[in-house]
């Protein structure tokens, strides 16, 4: 979740994607210093070829920029010129679009042009939705099936505009913006406002937080508090069913850890008889 460490990450350090393999619908820019007629842009056809002046159809699908440049160089030097200086650059990545899912206004695939950053991709997806969470996940999917995932603090990116959080985005990347959901727990008995308490899944939902939200303990409250765990999935995944009794004063003084609550948990504060 710490975006500040990403500068050293392989995912963030790439300036371009030299391993990207060209596919149908990609837009490719060709430059040949010795043959100006070949300084053109061409869209890769559905069958994976580009049509060039003098040459005609040239297979491109499945090749990297460097591999296609070398193939073109060999072809030119064998038929047209003694020496060819060739350069290939993918301008639009449409065969492997990036995907933006989750709490954005227009989720889906984006056929992007050039090299984007994370904030440009999120903006192209309509921006963050109102129910977005605190974290944005970027998953880089490599040709060999391996993935590299990084979690970015949404406020670092959108509020504080930290440039280190604004990762470069490449073809076939997946951006996931998890949405917040409501988590309901119940605080009953000797509290100021007993009843259901609704938290956001991004909140830290603990016993002390629930008691504070319920108006605190009454003067008649016992120090020992019963917590009934329902085992329902909540903000932190599947819970654990069962009951536990804790000492409120020990938790309040920091001598015992605060107890995490999940969806459906019930806090029962009984009346003290002393």
Protein backbone atom coordinates (compact mmCIF):
# COMPACT_ATOMS: atom_id res chain seq x y z
CA UNK A 1 0.00 0.00 0.00
CA UNK A 2 3.00 2.25 0.34
CA UNK A 3 3.24 4.09 -2.95
CA UNK A 4 6.49 5.80 -1.93
CA UNK A 5 8.41 2.56 -2.36
CA UNK A 6 7.29 2.03 -5.92
CA UNK A 7 10.07 3.96 -7.58
CA UNK A 8 12.36 0.98 -7.12
CA UNK A 9 9.72 -1.53 -8.16
CA UNK A 10 10.12 -3.27 -11.53
CA UNK A 11 6.51 -2.39 -12.26
CA UNK A 12 7.12 1.31 -11.81
CA UNK A 13 10.61 1.56 -13.23
CA UNK A 14 9.82 0.78 -16.86
CA UNK A 15 9.88 3.73 -19.21
CA UNK A 16 8.56 1.64 -22.12
CA UNK A 17 7.48 -1.94 -22.59
CA UNK A 18 10.14 -3.54 -24.79
CA UNK A 19 8.62 -6.98 -24.31
CA UNK A 20 5.23 -6.02 -25.71
CA UNK A 21 4.23 -8.14 -28.71
CA UNK A 22 2.33 -6.40 -31.48
CA UNK A 23 -1.19 -7.57 -32.21
CA UNK A 24 -4.18 -6.84 -34.47
CA UNK A 25 -5.54 -3.26 -34.40
CA UNK A 26 -2.35 -1.84 -32.89
CA UNK A 27 -1.12 1.36 -34.54
CA UNK A 28 2.54 1.16 -35.51
CA UNK A 29 4.86 4.01 -36.51
CA UNK A 30 7.65 3.07 -38.96
CA UNK A 31 10.76 5.11 -39.64
CA UNK A 32 13.48 4.31 -42.18
CA UNK A 33 16.11 7.02 -42.51
CA UNK A 34 17.28 5.90 -45.94
CA UNK A 35 13.78 5.39 -47.42
CA UNK A 36 11.49 8.38 -46.61
CA UNK A 37 8.52 6.68 -48.28
CA UNK A 38 8.46 4.21 -45.41
CA UNK A 39 8.10 6.87 -42.69
CA UNK A 40 4.43 6.08 -42.11
CA UNK A 41 1.92 4.91 -39.51
CA UNK A 42 0.01 1.71 -40.15
CA UNK A 43 -2.77 -0.13 -38.34
CA UNK A 44 -2.13 -3.87 -37.94
CA UNK A 45 -4.80 -5.83 -39.78
CA UNK A 46 -6.93 -8.58 -38.27
CA UNK A 47 -4.62 -11.18 -39.80
CA UNK A 48 -1.59 -9.54 -38.17
CA UNK A 49 0.03 -7.68 -41.08
CA UNK A 50 0.95 -4.11 -41.96
CA UNK A 51 0.88 -2.82 -45.52
CA UNK A 52 3.91 -0.72 -46.47
CA UNK A 53 4.91 1.21 -49.58
CA UNK A 54 7.38 -0.69 -51.83
CA UNK A 55 7.05 -3.81 -49.70
CA UNK A 56 3.37 -4.66 -49.42
CA UNK A 57 2.12 -6.84 -46.59
CA UNK A 58 4.62 -7.46 -43.80
CA UNK A 59 3.78 -9.87 -40.93
CA UNK A 60 3.89 -7.98 -37.62
CA UNK A 61 1.69 -9.80 -35.12
CA UNK A 62 3.55 -11.54 -32.33
CA UNK A 63 6.75 -9.51 -32.80
CA UNK A 64 8.24 -6.93 -30.47
CA UNK A 65 9.14 -3.47 -31.76
CA UNK A 66 12.80 -4.47 -32.05
CA UNK A 67 12.02 -7.75 -33.79
CA UNK A 68 9.81 -6.07 -36.38
CA UNK A 69 12.43 -3.37 -36.94
CA UNK A 70 15.08 -6.04 -37.53
CA UNK A 71 12.83 -7.97 -39.92
CA UNK A 72 12.17 -4.81 -41.91
CA UNK A 73 15.89 -3.97 -41.93
CA UNK A 74 16.85 -7.40 -43.32
CA UNK A 75 14.16 -7.19 -46.00
CA UNK A 76 15.22 -3.72 -47.14
CA UNK A 77 18.91 -4.54 -47.23
CA UNK A 78 18.27 -7.68 -49.25
CA UNK A 79 16.25 -5.89 -51.96
CA UNK A 80 16.46 -2.09 -51.87
CA UNK A 81 19.36 -0.48 -50.01
CA UNK A 82 22.82 -1.43 -48.81
CA UNK A 83 22.11 -0.17 -45.30
CA UNK A 84 18.80 0.50 -43.58
CA UNK A 85 18.28 2.27 -40.25
CA UNK A 86 14.84 1.15 -39.07
CA UNK A 87 12.75 2.10 -36.07
CA UNK A 88 9.36 0.79 -34.93
CA UNK A 89 7.14 2.24 -32.22
CA UNK A 90 3.67 1.12 -31.16
CA UNK A 91 1.52 4.24 -30.90
CA UNK A 92 -1.80 2.63 -29.94
CA UNK A 93 -2.14 -0.59 -27.97
CA UNK A 94 -5.48 -2.04 -29.02
CA UNK A 95 -4.83 -5.76 -29.16
CA UNK A 96 -4.20 -5.88 -25.42
CA UNK A 97 -6.15 -3.00 -23.88
CA UNK A 98 -5.82 -2.04 -20.26
CA UNK A 99 -8.82 -2.85 -18.09
CA UNK A 100 -10.22 -0.64 -15.34
CA UNK A 101 -12.71 -2.35 -13.03
CA UNK A 102 -14.43 -1.60 -9.75
CA UNK A 103 -15.49 1.76 -8.37
CA UNK A 104 -14.96 3.97 -11.43
CA UNK A 105 -17.72 5.70 -13.39
CA UNK A 106 -17.05 3.90 -16.68
CA UNK A 107 -15.43 0.51 -16.00
CA UNK A 108 -14.22 -1.58 -18.91
CA UNK A 109 -11.41 -1.93 -21.42
CA UNK A 110 -9.49 1.10 -22.66
CA UNK A 111 -7.73 1.04 -26.02
CA UNK A 112 -5.17 3.67 -25.17
CA UNK A 113 -2.75 5.65 -27.27
CA UNK A 114 0.89 5.99 -26.35
CA UNK A 115 2.09 5.57 -22.77
CA UNK A 116 -0.32 6.45 -20.01
CA UNK A 117 0.01 7.03 -16.31
CA UNK A 118 -2.33 5.68 -13.65
CA UNK A 119 -4.17 8.97 -13.21
CA UNK A 120 -4.71 9.25 -16.97
CA UNK A 121 -6.17 5.74 -17.07
CA UNK A 122 -8.49 6.41 -14.13
CA UNK A 123 -9.58 9.68 -15.77
CA UNK A 124 -10.27 7.88 -19.07
CA UNK A 125 -12.51 5.51 -17.12
CA UNK A 126 -14.61 8.47 -15.96
CA UNK A 127 -12.79 9.04 -12.67
CA UNK A 128 -13.32 7.43 -9.30
CA UNK A 129 -16.90 6.69 -8.24
CA UNK A 130 -18.22 8.05 -4.95
CA UNK A 131 -18.05 4.63 -3.31
CA UNK A 132 -14.37 4.04 -4.09
CA UNK A 133 -12.14 2.60 -1.41
CA UNK A 134 -8.79 3.80 -0.13
CA UNK A 135 -6.64 1.60 -2.35
CA UNK A 136 -6.12 1.26 -6.12
CA UNK A 137 -4.53 -1.99 -7.31
CA UNK A 138 -2.43 -2.15 -10.48
CA UNK A 139 -1.75 -5.63 -11.84
CA UNK A 140 0.80 -6.12 -14.61
CA UNK A 141 0.19 -9.32 -16.58
CA UNK A 142 3.30 -10.59 -18.36
CA UNK A 143 3.47 -12.79 -21.47
CA UNK A 144 4.76 -15.72 -19.39
CA UNK A 145 1.68 -15.63 -17.18
CA UNK A 146 3.39 -14.07 -14.18
CA UNK A 147 1.82 -11.04 -12.55
CA UNK A 148 3.09 -8.15 -10.45
CA UNK A 149 0.59 -6.29 -8.29
CA UNK A 150 1.06 -3.00 -6.46
CA UNK A 151 -1.38 -1.22 -4.13
CA UNK A 152 -1.59 2.57 -4.40
CA UNK A 153 -3.11 4.88 -1.80
CA UNK A 154 -5.98 6.65 -3.59
CA UNK A 155 -5.41 9.89 -1.68
CA UNK A 156 -1.72 9.88 -2.60
CA UNK A 157 -2.76 9.76 -6.25
CA UNK A 158 -5.91 11.89 -6.42
CA UNK A 159 -5.64 14.29 -3.46
CA UNK A 160 -1.97 14.77 -2.65
CA UNK A 161 -0.89 14.34 -6.32
CA UNK A 162 2.23 12.43 -5.28
CA UNK A 163 4.08 11.75 -8.56
CA UNK A 164 5.52 8.55 -7.12
CA UNK A 165 2.01 7.11 -6.93
CA UNK A 166 1.29 7.96 -10.57
CA UNK A 167 2.62 4.74 -12.10
CA UNK A 168 3.23 4.27 -15.83
CA UNK A 169 0.52 2.07 -17.33
CA UNK A 170 1.14 -0.37 -20.17
CA UNK A 171 -0.87 -2.62 -22.46
CA UNK A 172 -2.66 -5.53 -20.76
CA UNK A 173 -2.51 -3.91 -17.31
CA UNK A 174 -5.47 -4.38 -14.98
CA UNK A 175 -6.48 -1.55 -12.66
CA UNK A 176 -8.85 -2.50 -9.87
CA UNK A 177 -10.55 0.09 -7.64
CA UNK A 178 -12.41 -1.87 -4.93
CA UNK A 179 -15.62 -0.27 -3.73
CA UNK A 180 -16.47 0.36 -0.11
CA UNK A 181 -19.36 -1.59 1.36
CA UNK A 182 -21.40 -1.09 4.51
CA UNK A 183 -20.59 -3.25 7.51
CA UNK A 184 -23.19 -3.52 10.27
CA UNK A 185 -22.41 -4.51 13.85
CA UNK A 186 -24.65 -4.33 16.90
CA UNK A 187 -23.94 -2.81 20.29
CA UNK A 188 -26.51 -3.75 22.93
CA UNK A 189 -27.00 -3.25 26.65
CA UNK A 190 -25.43 -0.56 28.79
CA UNK A 191 -24.35 1.92 26.11
CA UNK A 192 -25.62 5.41 25.37
CA UNK A 193 -27.32 4.48 22.06
CA UNK A 194 -27.84 0.74 21.77
CA UNK A 195 -28.69 -0.68 18.34
CA UNK A 196 -27.20 -1.26 14.91
CA UNK A 197 -24.01 0.59 13.93
CA UNK A 198 -23.09 1.04 10.27
CA UNK A 199 -19.43 1.42 9.26
CA UNK A 200 -17.68 1.64 5.92
CA UNK A 201 -15.49 -1.32 5.03
CA UNK A 202 -12.52 1.05 4.88
CA UNK A 203 -13.03 2.05 8.53
CA UNK A 204 -11.12 0.39 11.32
CA UNK A 205 -13.98 -1.50 12.97
CA UNK A 206 -13.08 -2.48 16.52
CA UNK A 207 -14.71 -2.83 19.92
CA UNK A 208 -13.59 0.63 21.06
CA UNK A 209 -14.82 2.20 17.82
CA UNK A 210 -18.21 0.51 18.18
CA UNK A 211 -18.62 1.60 21.80
CA UNK A 212 -17.64 5.17 20.93
CA UNK A 213 -20.13 5.19 18.02
CA UNK A 214 -22.81 3.87 20.43
CA UNK A 215 -22.33 6.80 22.79
CA UNK A 216 -19.97 5.17 25.26
CA UNK A 217 -20.71 3.03 28.30
CA UNK A 218 -23.29 4.01 30.90
CA UNK A 219 -22.45 4.36 34.58
CA UNK A 220 -24.01 0.94 35.18
CA UNK A 221 -21.92 -0.90 32.59
CA UNK A 222 -19.83 -3.87 33.60
CA UNK A 223 -16.18 -3.94 32.61
CA UNK A 224 -16.44 -7.44 31.15
CA UNK A 225 -18.01 -7.31 27.68
CA UNK A 226 -19.35 -10.21 25.64
CA UNK A 227 -18.71 -10.27 21.90
CA UNK A 228 -20.67 -12.67 19.71
CA UNK A 229 -18.95 -13.34 16.39
CA UNK A 230 -21.34 -14.51 13.70
CA UNK A 231 -18.67 -15.65 11.27
CA UNK A 232 -20.19 -13.67 8.39
CA UNK A 233 -17.78 -12.25 5.78
CA UNK A 234 -16.90 -8.63 6.48
CA UNK A 235 -14.37 -5.94 5.74
CA UNK A 236 -11.44 -8.27 6.33
CA UNK A 237 -12.83 -11.44 4.76
CA UNK A 238 -14.43 -14.45 6.39
CA UNK A 239 -14.91 -14.03 10.11
CA UNK A 240 -14.77 -16.51 12.95
CA UNK A 241 -17.90 -17.75 14.71
CA UNK A 242 -18.15 -18.01 18.49
CA UNK A 243 -18.10 -15.87 21.61
CA UNK A 244 -15.43 -14.15 23.62
CA UNK A 245 -15.39 -12.09 26.79
CA UNK A 246 -12.99 -9.17 27.10
CA UNK A 247 -12.02 -6.67 29.78
CA UNK A 248 -12.99 -3.19 28.56
CA UNK A 249 -10.70 -1.34 30.98
CA UNK A 250 -7.64 -3.38 29.92
CA UNK A 251 -8.33 -2.64 26.25
CA UNK A 252 -8.95 1.05 27.00
CA UNK A 253 -5.65 1.31 28.90
CA UNK A 254 -3.73 -0.46 26.13
CA UNK A 255 -2.93 -3.50 28.27
CA UNK A 256 -4.96 -5.76 25.95
CA UNK A 257 -5.41 -5.51 22.17
CA UNK A 258 -8.55 -3.96 20.74
CA UNK A 259 -10.86 -6.55 19.18
CA UNK A 260 -11.63 -6.40 15.48
CA UNK A 261 -15.31 -6.67 14.58
CA UNK A 262 -16.85 -7.96 11.37
CA UNK A 263 -20.23 -7.97 9.66
CA UNK A 264 -23.02 -9.07 11.99
CA UNK A 265 -20.97 -9.19 15.20
CA UNK A 266 -22.86 -8.35 18.41
CA UNK A 267 -21.35 -6.51 21.38
CA UNK A 268 -23.26 -7.07 24.64
CA UNK A 269 -22.50 -4.75 27.55
CA UNK A 270 -24.16 -6.11 30.65
CA UNK A 271 -25.15 -4.20 33.78
CA UNK A 272 -22.75 -4.30 36.71
CA UNK A 273 -24.23 -5.45 40.01
CA UNK A 274 -21.50 -3.81 42.09
